[in-house]
Amino acid sequence: MKYRLWVRRMSISAPRMTIKSQLPWHVKAVFAVLGIAMVGLIAYLVYSQDQIPGVSGIGADNQRIAELTEQVRQLSEERDSFSSSVNGSESQLNIYRATEKQMATQVKALESENAKLKEDLAFFESLLPNNIGVQGITIQRLKAELTEPNQLHYRLLVMQGQTPNGVQLFVGNLQLSVTVQQQGQTKIISFPAAGNTDPAPFKLSFKYYQRLEGDLVLPDGATVKSVQARVLEKGQVRVQQIANL
């Protein structure tokens, strides 16, 4: 024992010491209150996330999804309504276009009918008393015009004048000769062509008058200079007339 005491005294090491800190009780109470308050605040925030709109959380996400779904439904209804309106407008526009096209066709037909009525008027004017005594066949209002690059449209009236002895049925045929220039050469093309077995459009059979109208197909590249119409009876020319283009 004495030896140990002597060694301890001679050693530079000090004996182990234990330091214990002791806080006052009122400080410990303050820390405890703060801990409880923090736990309560965390619990309140977690609860508020499911109750306040716009705050992230499961409840808020569900509500936001429901709102977006309703907006998508409304937009879909507006799109369908707009699409129906557009389709209705297109259908109405197509109806207007079809009506306009039909009216244009009717106007063209009326113009053609008006031209024919003018020709008829000219014919009836020719039957007035100042033409009594005129014998033979006449050609009135011979007209020809190009409707296509190689298509010539013609129309004319063939009339038989009033005579003191009355009017007899005239039977004959019409012959058209078209003078054209093609590749620097002048040619005459006759209608109906030689050997034509069906000259029905050129047949004449009338007592007072007969209107003739039709289309002549010409060779490509031909330039029309004039059209000559001749009325034949039993192969003999009764009358002829020329129209220049």
C-alpha atoms as a PDB file:
ATOM      1  CA  MET A   1       0.000   0.000   0.000  1.00  0.00           C
ATOM      2  CA  LYS A   2       2.761   2.414   0.925  1.00  0.00           C
ATOM      3  CA  TYR A   3       4.560   1.485  -2.295  1.00  0.00           C
ATOM      4  CA  ARG A   4       1.476   2.398  -4.378  1.00  0.00           C
ATOM      5  CA  LEU A   5       1.099   5.712  -2.613  1.00  0.00           C
ATOM      6  CA  TRP A   6       4.764   6.454  -3.245  1.00  0.00           C
ATOM      7  CA  VAL A   7       4.423   5.597  -6.961  1.00  0.00           C
ATOM      8  CA  ARG A   8       1.294   7.771  -7.311  1.00  0.00           C
ATOM      9  CA  ARG A   9       3.034  10.665  -5.752  1.00  0.00           C
ATOM     10  CA  MET A  10       6.056  10.301  -8.016  1.00  0.00           C
ATOM     11  CA  SER A  11       3.858   9.943 -11.212  1.00  0.00           C
ATOM     12  CA  ILE A  12       2.866  13.008 -13.279  1.00  0.00           C
ATOM     13  CA  SER A  13      -0.571  11.552 -14.226  1.00  0.00           C
ATOM     14  CA  ALA A  14      -3.548  12.851 -12.348  1.00  0.00           C
ATOM     15  CA  PRO A  15      -6.477  10.707 -11.218  1.00  0.00           C
ATOM     16  CA  ARG A  16      -9.545  10.369 -13.599  1.00  0.00           C
ATOM     17  CA  MET A  17     -12.225  12.945 -13.147  1.00  0.00           C
ATOM     18  CA  THR A  18     -15.927  12.814 -14.267  1.00  0.00           C
ATOM     19  CA  ILE A  19     -17.645  16.123 -15.116  1.00  0.00           C
ATOM     20  CA  LYS A  20     -21.426  16.133 -14.864  1.00  0.00           C
ATOM     21  CA  SER A  21     -23.386  19.137 -16.159  1.00  0.00           C
ATOM     22  CA  GLN A  22     -26.591  19.921 -14.425  1.00  0.00           C
ATOM     23  CA  LEU A  23     -29.156  22.372 -15.977  1.00  0.00           C
ATOM     24  CA  PRO A  24     -31.619  24.248 -13.874  1.00  0.00           C
ATOM     25  CA  TRP A  25     -35.103  22.780 -13.807  1.00  0.00           C
ATOM     26  CA  HIS A  26     -36.708  25.830 -15.409  1.00  0.00           C
ATOM     27  CA  VAL A  27     -34.382  25.559 -18.464  1.00  0.00           C
ATOM     28  CA  LYS A  28     -35.338  21.923 -18.886  1.00  0.00           C
ATOM     29  CA  ALA A  29     -39.007  22.944 -18.767  1.00  0.00           C
ATOM     30  CA  VAL A  30     -38.513  25.467 -21.561  1.00  0.00           C
ATOM     31  CA  PHE A  31     -36.859  22.814 -23.820  1.00  0.00           C
ATOM     32  CA  ALA A  32     -39.686  20.387 -23.115  1.00  0.00           C
ATOM     33  CA  VAL A  33     -42.331  22.959 -24.047  1.00  0.00           C
ATOM     34  CA  LEU A  34     -40.488  23.794 -27.277  1.00  0.00           C
ATOM     35  CA  GLY A  35     -40.306  20.106 -28.230  1.00  0.00           C
ATOM     36  CA  ILE A  36     -44.013  19.615 -27.672  1.00  0.00           C
ATOM     37  CA  ALA A  37     -44.781  22.759 -29.692  1.00  0.00           C
ATOM     38  CA  MET A  38     -42.663  21.526 -32.638  1.00  0.00           C
ATOM     39  CA  VAL A  39     -44.405  18.156 -32.662  1.00  0.00           C
ATOM     40  CA  GLY A  40     -47.796  19.902 -32.618  1.00  0.00           C
ATOM     41  CA  LEU A  41     -46.775  22.240 -35.463  1.00  0.00           C
ATOM     42  CA  ILE A  42     -45.620  19.315 -37.641  1.00  0.00           C
ATOM     43  CA  ALA A  43     -48.886  17.485 -37.005  1.00  0.00           C
ATOM     44  CA  TYR A  44     -50.890  20.616 -37.888  1.00  0.00           C
ATOM     45  CA  LEU A  45     -49.006  21.133 -41.161  1.00  0.00           C
ATOM     46  CA  VAL A  46     -49.569  17.515 -42.219  1.00  0.00           C
ATOM     47  CA  TYR A  47     -53.278  17.879 -41.495  1.00  0.00           C
ATOM     48  CA  SER A  48     -53.488  21.245 -43.313  1.00  0.00           C
ATOM     49  CA  GLN A  49     -52.044  19.749 -46.530  1.00  0.00           C
ATOM     50  CA  ASP A  50     -55.223  17.697 -46.957  1.00  0.00           C
ATOM     51  CA  GLN A  51     -57.572  20.563 -46.065  1.00  0.00           C
ATOM     52  CA  ILE A  52     -56.280  23.780 -47.760  1.00  0.00           C
ATOM     53  CA  PRO A  53     -56.763  24.004 -51.602  1.00  0.00           C
ATOM     54  CA  GLY A  54     -53.559  24.630 -53.536  1.00  0.00           C
ATOM     55  CA  VAL A  55     -51.327  22.929 -50.946  1.00  0.00           C
ATOM     56  CA  SER A  56     -49.611  19.778 -52.178  1.00  0.00           C
ATOM     57  CA  GLY A  57     -50.965  16.581 -50.759  1.00  0.00           C
ATOM     58  CA  ILE A  58     -53.118  13.606 -51.620  1.00  0.00           C
ATOM     59  CA  GLY A  59     -56.419  15.396 -50.979  1.00  0.00           C
ATOM     60  CA  ALA A  60     -55.317  18.507 -52.879  1.00  0.00           C
ATOM     61  CA  ASP A  61     -54.100  16.402 -55.825  1.00  0.00           C
ATOM     62  CA  ASN A  62     -57.437  14.611 -56.053  1.00  0.00           C
ATOM     63  CA  GLN A  63     -59.298  17.899 -56.017  1.00  0.00           C
ATOM     64  CA  ARG A  64     -56.977  19.352 -58.688  1.00  0.00           C
ATOM     65  CA  ILE A  65     -57.445  16.262 -60.877  1.00  0.00           C
ATOM     66  CA  ALA A  66     -61.225  16.618 -60.550  1.00  0.00           C
ATOM     67  CA  GLU A  67     -61.043  20.289 -61.572  1.00  0.00           C
ATOM     68  CA  LEU A  68     -58.846  19.511 -64.602  1.00  0.00           C
ATOM     69  CA  THR A  69     -61.152  16.671 -65.629  1.00  0.00           C
ATOM     70  CA  GLU A  70     -64.119  19.050 -65.558  1.00  0.00           C
ATOM     71  CA  GLN A  71     -62.199  21.606 -67.651  1.00  0.00           C
ATOM     72  CA  VAL A  72     -61.305  18.926 -70.206  1.00  0.00           C
ATOM     73  CA  ARG A  73     -64.966  17.911 -70.412  1.00  0.00           C
ATOM     74  CA  GLN A  74     -66.061  21.530 -70.991  1.00  0.00           C
ATOM     75  CA  LEU A  75     -63.384  22.060 -73.644  1.00  0.00           C
ATOM     76  CA  SER A  76     -64.442  18.856 -75.403  1.00  0.00           C
ATOM     77  CA  GLU A  77     -68.051  20.049 -75.504  1.00  0.00           C
ATOM     78  CA  GLU A  78     -66.961  23.432 -76.897  1.00  0.00           C
ATOM     79  CA  ARG A  79     -64.819  21.679 -79.531  1.00  0.00           C
ATOM     80  CA  ASP A  80     -67.717  19.448 -80.605  1.00  0.00           C
ATOM     81  CA  SER A  81     -70.032  22.455 -80.779  1.00  0.00           C
ATOM     82  CA  PHE A  82     -67.528  24.436 -82.849  1.00  0.00           C
ATOM     83  CA  SER A  83     -66.925  21.457 -85.150  1.00  0.00           C
ATOM     84  CA  SER A  84     -70.670  21.114 -85.734  1.00  0.00           C
ATOM     85  CA  SER A  85     -70.910  24.823 -86.556  1.00  0.00           C
ATOM     86  CA  VAL A  86     -68.020  24.575 -89.030  1.00  0.00           C
ATOM     87  CA  ASN A  87     -69.547  21.528 -90.738  1.00  0.00           C
ATOM     88  CA  GLY A  88     -72.882  23.327 -90.976  1.00  0.00           C
ATOM     89  CA  SER A  89     -71.213  26.386 -92.504  1.00  0.00           C
ATOM     90  CA  GLU A  90     -69.386  24.243 -95.067  1.00  0.00           C
ATOM     91  CA  SER A  91     -72.622  22.504 -96.026  1.00  0.00           C
ATOM     92  CA  GLN A  92     -74.383  25.858 -96.399  1.00  0.00           C
ATOM     93  CA  LEU A  93     -71.494  27.171 -98.521  1.00  0.00           C
ATOM     94  CA  ASN A  94     -71.695  24.107-100.781  1.00  0.00           C
ATOM     95  CA  ILE A  95     -75.428  24.711-101.194  1.00  0.00           C
ATOM     96  CA  TYR A  96     -74.786  28.348-102.140  1.00  0.00           C
ATOM     97  CA  ARG A  97     -72.146  27.296-104.674  1.00  0.00           C
ATOM     98  CA  ALA A  98     -74.434  24.683-106.240  1.00  0.00           C
ATOM     99  CA  THR A  99     -77.258  27.232-106.414  1.00  0.00           C
ATOM    100  CA  GLU A 100     -74.959  29.804-108.016  1.00  0.00           C
ATOM    101  CA  LYS A 101     -73.789  27.266-110.602  1.00  0.00           C
ATOM    102  CA  GLN A 102     -77.376  26.282-111.365  1.00  0.00           C
ATOM    103  CA  MET A 103     -78.409  29.925-111.760  1.00  0.00           C
ATOM    104  CA  ALA A 104     -75.469  30.561-114.104  1.00  0.00           C
ATOM    105  CA  THR A 105     -76.599  27.616-116.244  1.00  0.00           C
ATOM    106  CA  GLN A 106     -80.146  28.940-116.296  1.00  0.00           C
ATOM    107  CA  VAL A 107     -78.934  32.414-117.280  1.00  0.00           C
ATOM    108  CA  LYS A 108     -76.934  30.940-120.142  1.00  0.00           C
ATOM    109  CA  ALA A 109     -79.975  28.951-121.299  1.00  0.00           C
ATOM    110  CA  LEU A 110     -82.160  32.082-121.120  1.00  0.00           C
ATOM    111  CA  GLU A 111     -79.644  34.049-123.168  1.00  0.00           C
ATOM    112  CA  SER A 112     -79.655  31.334-125.814  1.00  0.00           C
ATOM    113  CA  GLU A 113     -83.459  31.262-125.816  1.00  0.00           C
ATOM    114  CA  ASN A 114     -83.524  35.048-126.110  1.00  0.00           C
ATOM    115  CA  ALA A 115     -81.311  34.873-129.211  1.00  0.00           C
ATOM    116  CA  LYS A 116     -83.663  32.329-130.733  1.00  0.00           C
ATOM    117  CA  LEU A 117     -86.664  34.527-129.973  1.00  0.00           C
ATOM    118  CA  LYS A 118     -84.960  37.424-131.707  1.00  0.00           C
ATOM    119  CA  GLU A 119     -84.471  35.235-134.749  1.00  0.00           C
ATOM    120  CA  ASP A 120     -88.130  34.232-134.638  1.00  0.00           C
ATOM    121  CA  LEU A 121     -89.102  37.892-134.370  1.00  0.00           C
ATOM    122  CA  ALA A 122     -87.026  38.702-137.418  1.00  0.00           C
ATOM    123  CA  PHE A 123     -88.788  35.882-139.249  1.00  0.00           C
ATOM    124  CA  PHE A 124     -92.276  37.043-138.341  1.00  0.00           C
ATOM    125  CA  GLU A 125     -91.339  40.577-139.339  1.00  0.00           C
ATOM    126  CA  SER A 126     -90.415  39.180-142.719  1.00  0.00           C
ATOM    127  CA  LEU A 127     -93.946  37.795-143.059  1.00  0.00           C
ATOM    128  CA  LEU A 128     -95.559  41.225-142.836  1.00  0.00           C
ATOM    129  CA  PRO A 129     -97.572  42.471-145.844  1.00  0.00           C
ATOM    130  CA  ASN A 130     -94.547  44.233-147.382  1.00  0.00           C
ATOM    131  CA  ASN A 131     -93.076  40.788-148.113  1.00  0.00           C
ATOM    132  CA  ILE A 132     -96.144  39.453-149.897  1.00  0.00           C
ATOM    133  CA  GLY A 133     -95.291  38.522-153.405  1.00  0.00           C
ATOM    134  CA  VAL A 134     -91.673  37.479-152.612  1.00  0.00           C
ATOM    135  CA  GLN A 135     -91.145  34.042-154.074  1.00  0.00           C
ATOM    136  CA  GLY A 136     -88.488  31.468-153.261  1.00  0.00           C
ATOM    137  CA  ILE A 137     -86.335  30.461-150.312  1.00  0.00           C
ATOM    138  CA  THR A 138     -84.250  32.860-148.249  1.00  0.00           C
ATOM    139  CA  ILE A 139     -81.581  32.434-145.571  1.00  0.00           C
ATOM    140  CA  GLN A 140     -81.871  34.741-142.585  1.00  0.00           C
ATOM    141  CA  ARG A 141     -79.473  35.522-139.717  1.00  0.00           C
ATOM    142  CA  LEU A 142     -76.627  33.200-140.619  1.00  0.00           C
ATOM    143  CA  LYS A 143     -74.148  33.229-137.740  1.00  0.00           C
ATOM    144  CA  ALA A 144     -71.034  31.203-136.940  1.00  0.00           C
ATOM    145  CA  GLU A 145     -68.616  31.398-134.012  1.00  0.00           C
ATOM    146  CA  LEU A 146     -65.823  29.329-132.541  1.00  0.00           C
ATOM    147  CA  THR A 147     -66.749  27.693-129.237  1.00  0.00           C
ATOM    148  CA  GLU A 148     -63.592  25.568-129.051  1.00  0.00           C
ATOM    149  CA  PRO A 149     -60.253  25.812-130.880  1.00  0.00           C
ATOM    150  CA  ASN A 150     -61.485  23.250-133.432  1.00  0.00           C
ATOM    151  CA  GLN A 151     -65.278  23.536-133.039  1.00  0.00           C
ATOM    152  CA  LEU A 152     -67.509  25.924-134.989  1.00  0.00           C
ATOM    153  CA  HIS A 153     -71.059  26.623-133.860  1.00  0.00           C
ATOM    154  CA  TYR A 154     -73.550  27.745-136.521  1.00  0.00           C
ATOM    155  CA  ARG A 155     -77.201  28.767-136.610  1.00  0.00           C
ATOM    156  CA  LEU A 156     -79.514  30.155-139.286  1.00  0.00           C
ATOM    157  CA  LEU A 157     -83.133  30.443-140.409  1.00  0.00           C
ATOM    158  CA  VAL A 158     -84.350  29.158-143.746  1.00  0.00           C
ATOM    159  CA  MET A 159     -87.654  30.732-144.772  1.00  0.00           C
ATOM    160  CA  GLN A 160     -90.158  30.469-147.596  1.00  0.00           C
ATOM    161  CA  GLY A 161     -91.792  33.727-148.571  1.00  0.00           C
ATOM    162  CA  GLN A 162     -95.540  34.250-148.761  1.00  0.00           C
ATOM    163  CA  THR A 163     -97.036  34.194-152.300  1.00  0.00           C
ATOM    164  CA  PRO A 164    -100.537  34.916-153.634  1.00  0.00           C
ATOM    165  CA  ASN A 165    -100.918  31.236-154.458  1.00  0.00           C
ATOM    166  CA  GLY A 166    -100.175  30.126-150.911  1.00  0.00           C
ATOM    167  CA  VAL A 167     -97.230  28.278-149.453  1.00  0.00           C
ATOM    168  CA  GLN A 168     -96.275  24.714-150.320  1.00  0.00           C
ATOM    169  CA  LEU A 169     -94.173  22.311-148.269  1.00  0.00           C
ATOM    170  CA  PHE A 170     -90.499  22.711-149.070  1.00  0.00           C
ATOM    171  CA  VAL A 171     -88.221  19.681-148.939  1.00  0.00           C
ATOM    172  CA  GLY A 172     -84.498  19.970-149.499  1.00  0.00           C
ATOM    173  CA  ASN A 173     -81.205  20.023-147.661  1.00  0.00           C
ATOM    174  CA  LEU A 174     -78.615  22.425-146.281  1.00  0.00           C
ATOM    175  CA  GLN A 175     -74.951  22.424-147.250  1.00  0.00           C
ATOM    176  CA  LEU A 176     -72.216  24.307-145.387  1.00  0.00           C
ATOM    177  CA  SER A 177     -68.776  25.103-146.783  1.00  0.00           C
ATOM    178  CA  VAL A 178     -66.142  26.334-144.320  1.00  0.00           C
ATOM    179  CA  THR A 179     -63.103  28.101-145.727  1.00  0.00           C
ATOM    180  CA  VAL A 180     -60.069  27.597-143.488  1.00  0.00           C
ATOM    181  CA  GLN A 181     -56.374  28.298-143.600  1.00  0.00           C
ATOM    182  CA  GLN A 182     -54.098  25.524-142.389  1.00  0.00           C
ATOM    183  CA  GLN A 183     -50.312  25.315-142.630  1.00  0.00           C
ATOM    184  CA  GLY A 184     -50.255  28.244-145.044  1.00  0.00           C
ATOM    185  CA  GLN A 185     -52.820  26.707-147.391  1.00  0.00           C
ATOM    186  CA  THR A 186     -56.462  27.617-147.971  1.00  0.00           C
ATOM    187  CA  LYS A 187     -58.917  24.736-147.833  1.00  0.00           C
ATOM    188  CA  ILE A 188     -62.687  24.352-148.173  1.00  0.00           C
ATOM    189  CA  ILE A 189     -64.344  21.777-145.914  1.00  0.00           C
ATOM    190  CA  SER A 190     -67.899  20.729-146.790  1.00  0.00           C
ATOM    191  CA  PHE A 191     -70.625  19.581-144.380  1.00  0.00           C
ATOM    192  CA  PRO A 192     -72.091  17.055-144.667  1.00  0.00           C
ATOM    193  CA  ALA A 193     -68.984  15.357-145.923  1.00  0.00           C
ATOM    194  CA  ALA A 194     -69.078  13.306-149.070  1.00  0.00           C
ATOM    195  CA  GLY A 195     -70.280   9.802-148.340  1.00  0.00           C
ATOM    196  CA  ASN A 196     -72.091  10.782-145.147  1.00  0.00           C
ATOM    197  CA  THR A 197     -74.951   8.315-144.796  1.00  0.00           C
ATOM    198  CA  ASP A 198     -76.726  10.213-142.014  1.00  0.00           C
ATOM    199  CA  PRO A 199     -77.209  13.870-143.065  1.00  0.00           C
ATOM    200  CA  ALA A 200     -80.235  14.253-140.777  1.00  0.00           C
ATOM    201  CA  PRO A 201     -79.044  17.556-139.188  1.00  0.00           C
ATOM    202  CA  PHE A 202     -78.945  19.082-142.679  1.00  0.00           C
ATOM    203  CA  LYS A 203     -82.379  17.937-143.883  1.00  0.00           C
ATOM    204  CA  LEU A 204     -84.959  20.621-144.669  1.00  0.00           C
ATOM    205  CA  SER A 205     -88.687  20.081-144.525  1.00  0.00           C
ATOM    206  CA  PHE A 206     -90.899  23.048-143.692  1.00  0.00           C
ATOM    207  CA  LYS A 207     -93.764  25.166-144.931  1.00  0.00           C
ATOM    208  CA  TYR A 208     -92.905  28.592-143.519  1.00  0.00           C
ATOM    209  CA  TYR A 209     -89.501  28.390-141.851  1.00  0.00           C
ATOM    210  CA  GLN A 210     -86.987  26.059-140.209  1.00  0.00           C
ATOM    211  CA  ARG A 211     -84.251  26.906-137.732  1.00  0.00           C
ATOM    212  CA  LEU A 212     -80.976  24.977-138.003  1.00  0.00           C
ATOM    213  CA  GLU A 213     -78.208  24.932-135.396  1.00  0.00           C
ATOM    214  CA  GLY A 214     -75.248  22.694-134.676  1.00  0.00           C
ATOM    215  CA  ASP A 215     -71.514  22.246-134.220  1.00  0.00           C
ATOM    216  CA  LEU A 216     -68.886  21.500-136.874  1.00  0.00           C
ATOM    217  CA  VAL A 217     -65.624  19.774-135.950  1.00  0.00           C
ATOM    218  CA  LEU A 218     -62.626  21.211-137.791  1.00  0.00           C
ATOM    219  CA  PRO A 219     -59.047  19.925-138.154  1.00  0.00           C
ATOM    220  CA  ASP A 220     -56.558  20.953-135.486  1.00  0.00           C
ATOM    221  CA  GLY A 221     -54.695  24.135-136.284  1.00  0.00           C
ATOM    222  CA  ALA A 222     -57.260  25.335-138.832  1.00  0.00           C
ATOM    223  CA  THR A 223     -58.158  29.042-138.885  1.00  0.00           C
ATOM    224  CA  VAL A 224     -61.719  29.774-140.052  1.00  0.00           C
ATOM    225  CA  LYS A 225     -62.095  32.533-142.602  1.00  0.00           C
ATOM    226  CA  SER A 226     -65.739  32.257-143.716  1.00  0.00           C
ATOM    227  CA  VAL A 227     -68.813  30.000-143.772  1.00  0.00           C
ATOM    228  CA  GLN A 228     -71.108  29.617-146.789  1.00  0.00           C
ATOM    229  CA  ALA A 229     -74.617  28.191-146.429  1.00  0.00           C
ATOM    230  CA  ARG A 230     -76.482  26.804-149.431  1.00  0.00           C
ATOM    231  CA  VAL A 231     -80.039  25.508-149.687  1.00  0.00           C
ATOM    232  CA  LEU A 232     -80.472  22.780-152.253  1.00  0.00           C
ATOM    233  CA  GLU A 233     -83.673  21.366-153.731  1.00  0.00           C
ATOM    234  CA  LYS A 234     -83.321  18.206-155.797  1.00  0.00           C
ATOM    235  CA  GLY A 235     -79.600  18.899-156.141  1.00  0.00           C
ATOM    236  CA  GLN A 236     -80.102  22.465-157.367  1.00  0.00           C
ATOM    237  CA  VAL A 237     -78.949  25.489-155.368  1.00  0.00           C
ATOM    238  CA  ARG A 238     -81.946  27.673-154.525  1.00  0.00           C
ATOM    239  CA  VAL A 239     -80.171  30.241-152.341  1.00  0.00           C
ATOM    240  CA  GLN A 240     -76.815  30.803-150.648  1.00  0.00           C
ATOM    241  CA  GLN A 241     -75.275  33.202-148.156  1.00  0.00           C
ATOM    242  CA  ILE A 242     -71.782  33.823-146.742  1.00  0.00           C
ATOM    243  CA  ALA A 243     -70.778  34.851-143.228  1.00  0.00           C
ATOM    244  CA  ASN A 244     -67.220  36.031-142.541  1.00  0.00           C
ATOM    245  CA  LEU A 245     -65.513  35.469-139.207  1.00  0.00           C
END
